[in-house]
PDB file of N, CA and C in Angstrom:
ATOM      1  N   MET A   1      53.184 165.357 256.885  1.00  0.00           N
ATOM      2  CA  MET A   1      51.867 165.008 256.386  1.00  0.00           C
ATOM      3  C   MET A   1      52.007 164.473 254.960  1.00  0.00           C
ATOM      4  N   HIS A   2      51.277 163.424 254.677  1.00  0.00           N
ATOM      5  CA  HIS A   2      51.283 162.849 253.338  1.00  0.00           C
ATOM      6  C   HIS A   2      50.533 163.769 252.375  1.00  0.00           C
ATOM      7  N   VAL A   3      50.922 163.725 251.109  1.00  0.00           N
ATOM      8  CA  VAL A   3      50.298 164.554 250.083  1.00  0.00           C
ATOM      9  C   VAL A   3      48.800 164.264 249.996  1.00  0.00           C
ATOM     10  N   ALA A   4      48.405 163.006 250.050  1.00  0.00           N
ATOM     11  CA  ALA A   4      46.983 162.653 249.968  1.00  0.00           C
ATOM     12  C   ALA A   4      46.191 163.293 251.105  1.00  0.00           C
ATOM     13  N   ASP A   5      46.748 163.309 252.303  1.00  0.00           N
ATOM     14  CA  ASP A   5      46.077 163.925 253.454  1.00  0.00           C
ATOM     15  C   ASP A   5      45.939 165.434 253.251  1.00  0.00           C
ATOM     16  N   GLU A   6      46.984 166.047 252.732  1.00  0.00           N
ATOM     17  CA  GLU A   6      46.940 167.483 252.475  1.00  0.00           C
ATOM     18  C   GLU A   6      45.898 167.810 251.399  1.00  0.00           C
ATOM     19  N   MET A   7      45.860 167.000 250.335  1.00  0.00           N
ATOM     20  CA  MET A   7      44.863 167.216 249.289  1.00  0.00           C
ATOM     21  C   MET A   7      43.454 167.062 249.850  1.00  0.00           C
ATOM     22  N   ARG A   8      43.243 166.060 250.696  1.00  0.00           N
ATOM     23  CA  ARG A   8      41.932 165.838 251.305  1.00  0.00           C
ATOM     24  C   ARG A   8      41.496 167.063 252.119  1.00  0.00           C
ATOM     25  N   GLN A   9      42.392 167.609 252.902  1.00  0.00           N
ATOM     26  CA  GLN A   9      42.068 168.794 253.701  1.00  0.00           C
ATOM     27  C   GLN A   9      41.713 169.985 252.816  1.00  0.00           C
ATOM     28  N   LEU A  10      42.520 170.240 251.805  1.00  0.00           N
ATOM     29  CA  LEU A  10      42.295 171.378 250.922  1.00  0.00           C
ATOM     30  C   LEU A  10      40.987 171.248 250.151  1.00  0.00           C
ATOM     31  N   LEU A  11      40.712 170.061 249.633  1.00  0.00           N
ATOM     32  CA  LEU A  11      39.490 169.853 248.848  1.00  0.00           C
ATOM     33  C   LEU A  11      38.243 169.884 249.727  1.00  0.00           C
ATOM     34  N   THR A  12      38.350 169.354 250.919  1.00  0.00           N
ATOM     35  CA  THR A  12      37.216 169.386 251.847  1.00  0.00           C
ATOM     36  C   THR A  12      36.883 170.820 252.220  1.00  0.00           C
ATOM     37  N   ARG A  13      37.891 171.601 252.478  1.00  0.00           N
ATOM     38  CA  ARG A  13      37.696 173.006 252.831  1.00  0.00           C
ATOM     39  C   ARG A  13      37.099 173.801 251.669  1.00  0.00           C
ATOM     40  N   ALA A  14      37.566 173.549 250.468  1.00  0.00           N
ATOM     41  CA  ALA A  14      37.135 174.333 249.313  1.00  0.00           C
ATOM     42  C   ALA A  14      35.765 173.925 248.771  1.00  0.00           C
ATOM     43  N   PHE A  15      35.426 172.624 248.849  1.00  0.00           N
ATOM     44  CA  PHE A  15      34.238 172.147 248.147  1.00  0.00           C
ATOM     45  C   PHE A  15      33.195 171.451 249.013  1.00  0.00           C
ATOM     46  N   ALA A  16      33.461 171.204 250.275  1.00  0.00           N
ATOM     47  CA  ALA A  16      32.523 170.478 251.147  1.00  0.00           C
ATOM     48  C   ALA A  16      31.902 169.301 250.388  1.00  0.00           C
ATOM     49  N   PRO A  17      32.725 168.388 249.897  1.00  0.00           N
ATOM     50  CA  PRO A  17      32.219 167.329 249.023  1.00  0.00           C
ATOM     51  C   PRO A  17      31.303 166.331 249.725  1.00  0.00           C
ATOM     52  N   SER A  18      30.336 165.829 248.954  1.00  0.00           N
ATOM     53  CA  SER A  18      29.485 164.754 249.454  1.00  0.00           C
ATOM     54  C   SER A  18      30.183 163.411 249.249  1.00  0.00           C
ATOM     55  N   GLN A  19      31.164 163.379 248.348  1.00  0.00           N
ATOM     56  CA  GLN A  19      32.011 162.203 248.143  1.00  0.00           C
ATOM     57  C   GLN A  19      33.411 162.694 247.807  1.00  0.00           C
ATOM     58  N   LEU A  20      34.411 162.071 248.387  1.00  0.00           N
ATOM     59  CA  LEU A  20      35.797 162.393 248.079  1.00  0.00           C
ATOM     60  C   LEU A  20      36.637 161.137 248.255  1.00  0.00           C
ATOM     61  N   GLU A  21      37.278 160.744 247.167  1.00  0.00           N
ATOM     62  CA  GLU A  21      38.180 159.597 247.209  1.00  0.00           C
ATOM     63  C   GLU A  21      39.488 160.027 246.559  1.00  0.00           C
ATOM     64  N   ILE A  22      40.573 159.782 247.242  1.00  0.00           N
ATOM     65  CA  ILE A  22      41.900 160.090 246.712  1.00  0.00           C
ATOM     66  C   ILE A  22      42.661 158.767 246.652  1.00  0.00           C
ATOM     67  N   ILE A  23      43.010 158.396 245.433  1.00  0.00           N
ATOM     68  CA  ILE A  23      43.657 157.112 245.204  1.00  0.00           C
ATOM     69  C   ILE A  23      45.114 157.351 244.806  1.00  0.00           C
ATOM     70  N   ASN A  24      46.021 156.733 245.531  1.00  0.00           N
ATOM     71  CA  ASN A  24      47.439 156.842 245.214  1.00  0.00           C
ATOM     72  C   ASN A  24      47.772 155.793 244.155  1.00  0.00           C
ATOM     73  N   ASP A  25      48.027 156.259 242.925  1.00  0.00           N
ATOM     74  CA  ASP A  25      48.349 155.387 241.796  1.00  0.00           C
ATOM     75  C   ASP A  25      49.857 155.260 241.578  1.00  0.00           C
ATOM     76  N   SER A  26      50.656 155.766 242.469  1.00  0.00           N
ATOM     77  CA  SER A  26      52.102 155.861 242.265  1.00  0.00           C
ATOM     78  C   SER A  26      52.765 154.513 242.009  1.00  0.00           C
ATOM     79  N   ALA A  27      52.320 153.476 242.687  1.00  0.00           N
ATOM     80  CA  ALA A  27      52.945 152.159 242.516  1.00  0.00           C
ATOM     81  C   ALA A  27      52.822 151.653 241.078  1.00  0.00           C
ATOM     82  N   LYS A  28      51.759 152.042 240.390  1.00  0.00           N
ATOM     83  CA  LYS A  28      51.567 151.634 238.995  1.00  0.00           C
ATOM     84  C   LYS A  28      52.574 152.302 238.061  1.00  0.00           C
ATOM     85  N   HIS A  29      53.204 153.380 238.538  1.00  0.00           N
ATOM     86  CA  HIS A  29      54.109 154.166 237.699  1.00  0.00           C
ATOM     87  C   HIS A  29      55.554 154.104 238.178  1.00  0.00           C
ATOM     88  N   SER A  30      55.849 153.183 239.049  1.00  0.00           N
ATOM     89  CA  SER A  30      57.197 153.034 239.575  1.00  0.00           C
ATOM     90  C   SER A  30      58.200 152.834 238.443  1.00  0.00           C
ATOM     91  N   GLY A  31      59.227 153.652 238.427  1.00  0.00           N
ATOM     92  CA  GLY A  31      60.260 153.565 237.405  1.00  0.00           C
ATOM     93  C   GLY A  31      59.943 154.307 236.125  1.00  0.00           C
ATOM     94  N   HIS A  32      58.742 154.842 236.017  1.00  0.00           N
ATOM     95  CA  HIS A  32      58.347 155.595 234.825  1.00  0.00           C
ATOM     96  C   HIS A  32      58.699 157.070 234.976  1.00  0.00           C
ATOM     97  N   SER A  33      58.557 157.800 233.899  1.00  0.00           N
ATOM     98  CA  SER A  33      58.777 159.244 233.929  1.00  0.00           C
ATOM     99  C   SER A  33      57.871 159.878 234.985  1.00  0.00           C
ATOM    100  N   GLY A  34      58.412 160.768 235.765  1.00  0.00           N
ATOM    101  CA  GLY A  34      57.643 161.449 236.799  1.00  0.00           C
ATOM    102  C   GLY A  34      57.669 160.765 238.144  1.00  0.00           C
ATOM    103  N   ASP A  35      58.163 159.535 238.195  1.00  0.00           N
ATOM    104  CA  ASP A  35      58.275 158.829 239.470  1.00  0.00           C
ATOM    105  C   ASP A  35      59.501 159.348 240.194  1.00  0.00           C
ATOM    106  N   ASP A  36      59.274 160.050 241.299  1.00  0.00           N
ATOM    107  CA  ASP A  36      60.392 160.636 242.039  1.00  0.00           C
ATOM    108  C   ASP A  36      60.864 159.741 243.181  1.00  0.00           C
ATOM    109  N   GLY A  37      60.275 158.550 243.292  1.00  0.00           N
ATOM    110  CA  GLY A  37      60.672 157.619 244.338  1.00  0.00           C
ATOM    111  C   GLY A  37      59.990 157.851 245.676  1.00  0.00           C
ATOM    112  N   SER A  38      59.180 158.898 245.784  1.00  0.00           N
ATOM    113  CA  SER A  38      58.517 159.227 247.047  1.00  0.00           C
ATOM    114  C   SER A  38      57.305 158.346 247.323  1.00  0.00           C
ATOM    115  N   GLY A  39      56.765 157.718 246.275  1.00  0.00           N
ATOM    116  CA  GLY A  39      55.535 156.954 246.434  1.00  0.00           C
ATOM    117  C   GLY A  39      54.310 157.844 246.444  1.00  0.00           C
ATOM    118  N   GLU A  40      54.514 159.121 246.104  1.00  0.00           N
ATOM    119  CA  GLU A  40      53.416 160.097 246.086  1.00  0.00           C
ATOM    120  C   GLU A  40      53.518 160.975 244.833  1.00  0.00           C
ATOM    121  N   SER A  41      53.565 160.328 243.671  1.00  0.00           N
ATOM    122  CA  SER A  41      53.758 161.081 242.431  1.00  0.00           C
ATOM    123  C   SER A  41      52.547 161.063 241.506  1.00  0.00           C
ATOM    124  N   HIS A  42      51.659 160.091 241.662  1.00  0.00           N
ATOM    125  CA  HIS A  42      50.507 159.933 240.770  1.00  0.00           C
ATOM    126  C   HIS A  42      49.247 159.652 241.607  1.00  0.00           C
ATOM    127  N   PHE A  43      48.187 160.432 241.359  1.00  0.00           N
ATOM    128  CA  PHE A  43      46.948 160.281 242.119  1.00  0.00           C
ATOM    129  C   PHE A  43      45.731 160.401 241.217  1.00  0.00           C
ATOM    130  N   THR A  44      44.636 159.782 241.660  1.00  0.00           N
ATOM    131  CA  THR A  44      43.321 159.983 241.072  1.00  0.00           C
ATOM    132  C   THR A  44      42.430 160.574 242.152  1.00  0.00           C
ATOM    133  N   ILE A  45      41.710 161.628 241.792  1.00  0.00           N
ATOM    134  CA  ILE A  45      40.755 162.257 242.705  1.00  0.00           C
ATOM    135  C   ILE A  45      39.354 162.053 242.140  1.00  0.00           C
ATOM    136  N   ILE A  46      38.484 161.503 242.959  1.00  0.00           N
ATOM    137  CA  ILE A  46      37.069 161.376 242.620  1.00  0.00           C
ATOM    138  C   ILE A  46      36.331 162.234 243.637  1.00  0.00           C
ATOM    139  N   ILE A  47      35.665 163.269 243.141  1.00  0.00           N
ATOM    140  CA  ILE A  47      35.027 164.224 244.038  1.00  0.00           C
ATOM    141  C   ILE A  47      33.650 164.604 243.513  1.00  0.00           C
ATOM    142  N   GLU A  48      32.705 164.683 244.427  1.00  0.00           N
ATOM    143  CA  GLU A  48      31.341 165.098 244.120  1.00  0.00           C
ATOM    144  C   GLU A  48      30.999 166.256 245.051  1.00  0.00           C
ATOM    145  N   SER A  49      30.557 167.359 244.457  1.00  0.00           N
ATOM    146  CA  SER A  49      30.229 168.534 245.258  1.00  0.00           C
ATOM    147  C   SER A  49      29.152 169.360 244.567  1.00  0.00           C
ATOM    148  N   ALA A  50      28.262 169.922 245.349  1.00  0.00           N
ATOM    149  CA  ALA A  50      27.228 170.815 244.824  1.00  0.00           C
ATOM    150  C   ALA A  50      27.851 172.042 244.161  1.00  0.00           C
ATOM    151  N   LYS A  51      29.076 172.385 244.525  1.00  0.00           N
ATOM    152  CA  LYS A  51      29.744 173.543 243.941  1.00  0.00           C
ATOM    153  C   LYS A  51      30.089 173.340 242.472  1.00  0.00           C
ATOM    154  N   PHE A  52      29.946 172.111 241.962  1.00  0.00           N
ATOM    155  CA  PHE A  52      30.226 171.832 240.559  1.00  0.00           C
ATOM    156  C   PHE A  52      28.973 171.888 239.688  1.00  0.00           C
ATOM    157  N   SER A  53      27.822 172.150 240.281  1.00  0.00           N
ATOM    158  CA  SER A  53      26.574 172.227 239.516  1.00  0.00           C
ATOM    159  C   SER A  53      26.640 173.368 238.515  1.00  0.00           C
ATOM    160  N   GLY A  54      26.284 173.060 237.263  1.00  0.00           N
ATOM    161  CA  GLY A  54      26.255 174.071 236.214  1.00  0.00           C
ATOM    162  C   GLY A  54      27.623 174.516 235.730  1.00  0.00           C
ATOM    163  N   ILE A  55      28.672 173.819 236.128  1.00  0.00           N
ATOM    164  CA  ILE A  55      30.054 174.174 235.776  1.00  0.00           C
ATOM    165  C   ILE A  55      30.585 173.127 234.795  1.00  0.00           C
ATOM    166  N   SER A  56      31.303 173.580 233.764  1.00  0.00           N
ATOM    167  CA  SER A  56      31.862 172.650 232.785  1.00  0.00           C
ATOM    168  C   SER A  56      32.950 171.775 233.417  1.00  0.00           C
ATOM    169  N   ARG A  57      33.231 170.673 232.767  1.00  0.00           N
ATOM    170  CA  ARG A  57      34.268 169.745 233.238  1.00  0.00           C
ATOM    171  C   ARG A  57      35.619 170.452 233.344  1.00  0.00           C
ATOM    172  N   LEU A  58      35.947 171.253 232.350  1.00  0.00           N
ATOM    173  CA  LEU A  58      37.212 171.977 232.364  1.00  0.00           C
ATOM    174  C   LEU A  58      37.281 172.952 233.533  1.00  0.00           C
ATOM    175  N   GLN A  59      36.196 173.669 233.782  1.00  0.00           N
ATOM    176  CA  GLN A  59      36.180 174.619 234.897  1.00  0.00           C
ATOM    177  C   GLN A  59      36.290 173.899 236.237  1.00  0.00           C
ATOM    178  N   ARG A  60      35.687 172.737 236.354  1.00  0.00           N
ATOM    179  CA  ARG A  60      35.808 171.949 237.598  1.00  0.00           C
ATOM    180  C   ARG A  60      37.266 171.595 237.851  1.00  0.00           C
ATOM    181  N   GLN A  61      37.957 171.153 236.801  1.00  0.00           N
ATOM    182  CA  GLN A  61      39.365 170.797 236.954  1.00  0.00           C
ATOM    183  C   GLN A  61      40.197 172.011 237.324  1.00  0.00           C
ATOM    184  N   ARG A  62      39.895 173.137 236.728  1.00  0.00           N
ATOM    185  CA  ARG A  62      40.621 174.370 237.083  1.00  0.00           C
ATOM    186  C   ARG A  62      40.385 174.751 238.534  1.00  0.00           C
ATOM    187  N   MET A  63      39.149 174.608 238.996  1.00  0.00           N
ATOM    188  CA  MET A  63      38.824 174.917 240.390  1.00  0.00           C
ATOM    189  C   MET A  63      39.600 174.016 241.344  1.00  0.00           C
ATOM    190  N   ILE A  64      39.674 172.737 241.016  1.00  0.00           N
ATOM    191  CA  ILE A  64      40.392 171.779 241.865  1.00  0.00           C
ATOM    192  C   ILE A  64      41.879 172.085 241.872  1.00  0.00           C
ATOM    193  N   ASN A  65      42.451 172.329 240.704  1.00  0.00           N
ATOM    194  CA  ASN A  65      43.875 172.671 240.638  1.00  0.00           C
ATOM    195  C   ASN A  65      44.176 173.932 241.433  1.00  0.00           C
ATOM    196  N   ALA A  66      43.302 174.928 241.349  1.00  0.00           N
ATOM    197  CA  ALA A  66      43.500 176.166 242.110  1.00  0.00           C
ATOM    198  C   ALA A  66      43.441 175.891 243.611  1.00  0.00           C
ATOM    199  N   ALA A  67      42.492 175.050 244.031  1.00  0.00           N
ATOM    200  CA  ALA A  67      42.363 174.732 245.459  1.00  0.00           C
ATOM    201  C   ALA A  67      43.579 173.979 245.986  1.00  0.00           C
ATOM    202  N   LEU A  68      44.223 173.206 245.111  1.00  0.00           N
ATOM    203  CA  LEU A  68      45.383 172.409 245.528  1.00  0.00           C
ATOM    204  C   LEU A  68      46.694 173.184 245.505  1.00  0.00           C
ATOM    205  N   GLY A  69      46.677 174.402 244.995  1.00  0.00           N
ATOM    206  CA  GLY A  69      47.868 175.247 245.021  1.00  0.00           C
ATOM    207  C   GLY A  69      49.040 174.652 244.260  1.00  0.00           C
ATOM    208  N   ASP A  70      50.166 174.489 244.937  1.00  0.00           N
ATOM    209  CA  ASP A  70      51.398 174.031 244.277  1.00  0.00           C
ATOM    210  C   ASP A  70      51.500 172.507 244.167  1.00  0.00           C
ATOM    211  N   ILE A  71      50.505 171.786 244.612  1.00  0.00           N
ATOM    212  CA  ILE A  71      50.603 170.321 244.586  1.00  0.00           C
ATOM    213  C   ILE A  71      50.641 169.787 243.150  1.00  0.00           C
ATOM    214  N   PRO A  72      49.656 170.124 242.294  1.00  0.00           N
ATOM    215  CA  PRO A  72      49.718 169.603 240.916  1.00  0.00           C
ATOM    216  C   PRO A  72      50.874 170.230 240.139  1.00  0.00           C
ATOM    217  N   GLY A  73      51.674 169.396 239.518  1.00  0.00           N
ATOM    218  CA  GLY A  73      52.766 169.890 238.688  1.00  0.00           C
ATOM    219  C   GLY A  73      54.048 170.196 239.440  1.00  0.00           C
ATOM    220  N   GLU A  74      53.944 170.504 240.710  1.00  0.00           N
ATOM    221  CA  GLU A  74      55.132 170.808 241.519  1.00  0.00           C
ATOM    222  C   GLU A  74      55.499 169.616 242.404  1.00  0.00           C
ATOM    223  N   ARG A  75      54.523 169.152 243.173  1.00  0.00           N
ATOM    224  CA  ARG A  75      54.783 168.075 244.126  1.00  0.00           C
ATOM    225  C   ARG A  75      54.207 166.745 243.674  1.00  0.00           C
ATOM    226  N   VAL A  76      53.245 166.786 242.757  1.00  0.00           N
ATOM    227  CA  VAL A  76      52.641 165.582 242.198  1.00  0.00           C
ATOM    228  C   VAL A  76      52.791 165.655 240.693  1.00  0.00           C
ATOM    229  N   HIS A  77      53.309 164.604 240.101  1.00  0.00           N
ATOM    230  CA  HIS A  77      53.564 164.570 238.658  1.00  0.00           C
ATOM    231  C   HIS A  77      52.279 164.451 237.843  1.00  0.00           C
ATOM    232  N   ALA A  78      51.362 163.573 238.268  1.00  0.00           N
ATOM    233  CA  ALA A  78      50.145 163.329 237.496  1.00  0.00           C
ATOM    234  C   ALA A  78      48.938 163.264 238.428  1.00  0.00           C
ATOM    235  N   LEU A  79      47.864 163.922 237.981  1.00  0.00           N
ATOM    236  CA  LEU A  79      46.643 163.990 238.768  1.00  0.00           C
ATOM    237  C   LEU A  79      45.459 163.766 237.835  1.00  0.00           C
ATOM    238  N   ALA A  80      44.773 162.646 237.991  1.00  0.00           N
ATOM    239  CA  ALA A  80      43.551 162.375 237.234  1.00  0.00           C
ATOM    240  C   ALA A  80      42.385 162.854 238.088  1.00  0.00           C
ATOM    241  N   ILE A  81      41.472 163.614 237.482  1.00  0.00           N
ATOM    242  CA  ILE A  81      40.380 164.214 238.225  1.00  0.00           C
ATOM    243  C   ILE A  81      39.046 163.789 237.625  1.00  0.00           C
ATOM    244  N   ARG A  82      38.182 163.260 238.478  1.00  0.00           N
ATOM    245  CA  ARG A  82      36.787 162.991 238.105  1.00  0.00           C
ATOM    246  C   ARG A  82      35.918 163.773 239.076  1.00  0.00           C
ATOM    247  N   ALA A  83      35.418 164.913 238.605  1.00  0.00           N
ATOM    248  CA  ALA A  83      34.638 165.811 239.453  1.00  0.00           C
ATOM    249  C   ALA A  83      33.231 165.933 238.902  1.00  0.00           C
ATOM    250  N   SER A  84      32.241 165.837 239.781  1.00  0.00           N
ATOM    251  CA  SER A  84      30.858 165.933 239.333  1.00  0.00           C
ATOM    252  C   SER A  84      29.983 166.534 240.427  1.00  0.00           C
ATOM    253  N   PRO A  85      28.844 167.098 240.012  1.00  0.00           N
ATOM    254  CA  PRO A  85      27.860 167.532 241.002  1.00  0.00           C
ATOM    255  C   PRO A  85      27.045 166.325 241.473  1.00  0.00           C
ATOM    256  N   PRO A  86      26.351 166.421 242.575  1.00  0.00           N
ATOM    257  CA  PRO A  86      25.591 165.274 243.103  1.00  0.00           C
ATOM    258  C   PRO A  86      24.558 164.718 242.122  1.00  0.00           C
ATOM    259  N   GLU A  87      24.023 165.555 241.259  1.00  0.00           N
ATOM    260  CA  GLU A  87      22.954 165.098 240.368  1.00  0.00           C
ATOM    261  C   GLU A  87      23.448 164.297 239.174  1.00  0.00           C
ATOM    262  N   ASP A  88      24.744 164.206 238.942  1.00  0.00           N
ATOM    263  CA  ASP A  88      25.263 163.447 237.786  1.00  0.00           C
ATOM    264  C   ASP A  88      25.363 161.970 238.073  1.00  0.00           C
TER     265      ASP A  88
END
């Protein structure tokens, strides 16, 4: 299973998002630090969920990192996160 597919499953289960986009940015970082040659080293996550209502930006990122387990920092070098509640 690809990392993006695994992230999609984990985030869908944890947050029931109304919007979820996972963008593989790895090609932009080919040959740079953190590029492991897998083509799955850098991602952007855009997620909208009611579970983020009333939660700070930092707490949203912590929630996402917790839901992803060992993926950030272990299996993925860089993860950009844009998380918001539906009302934003």
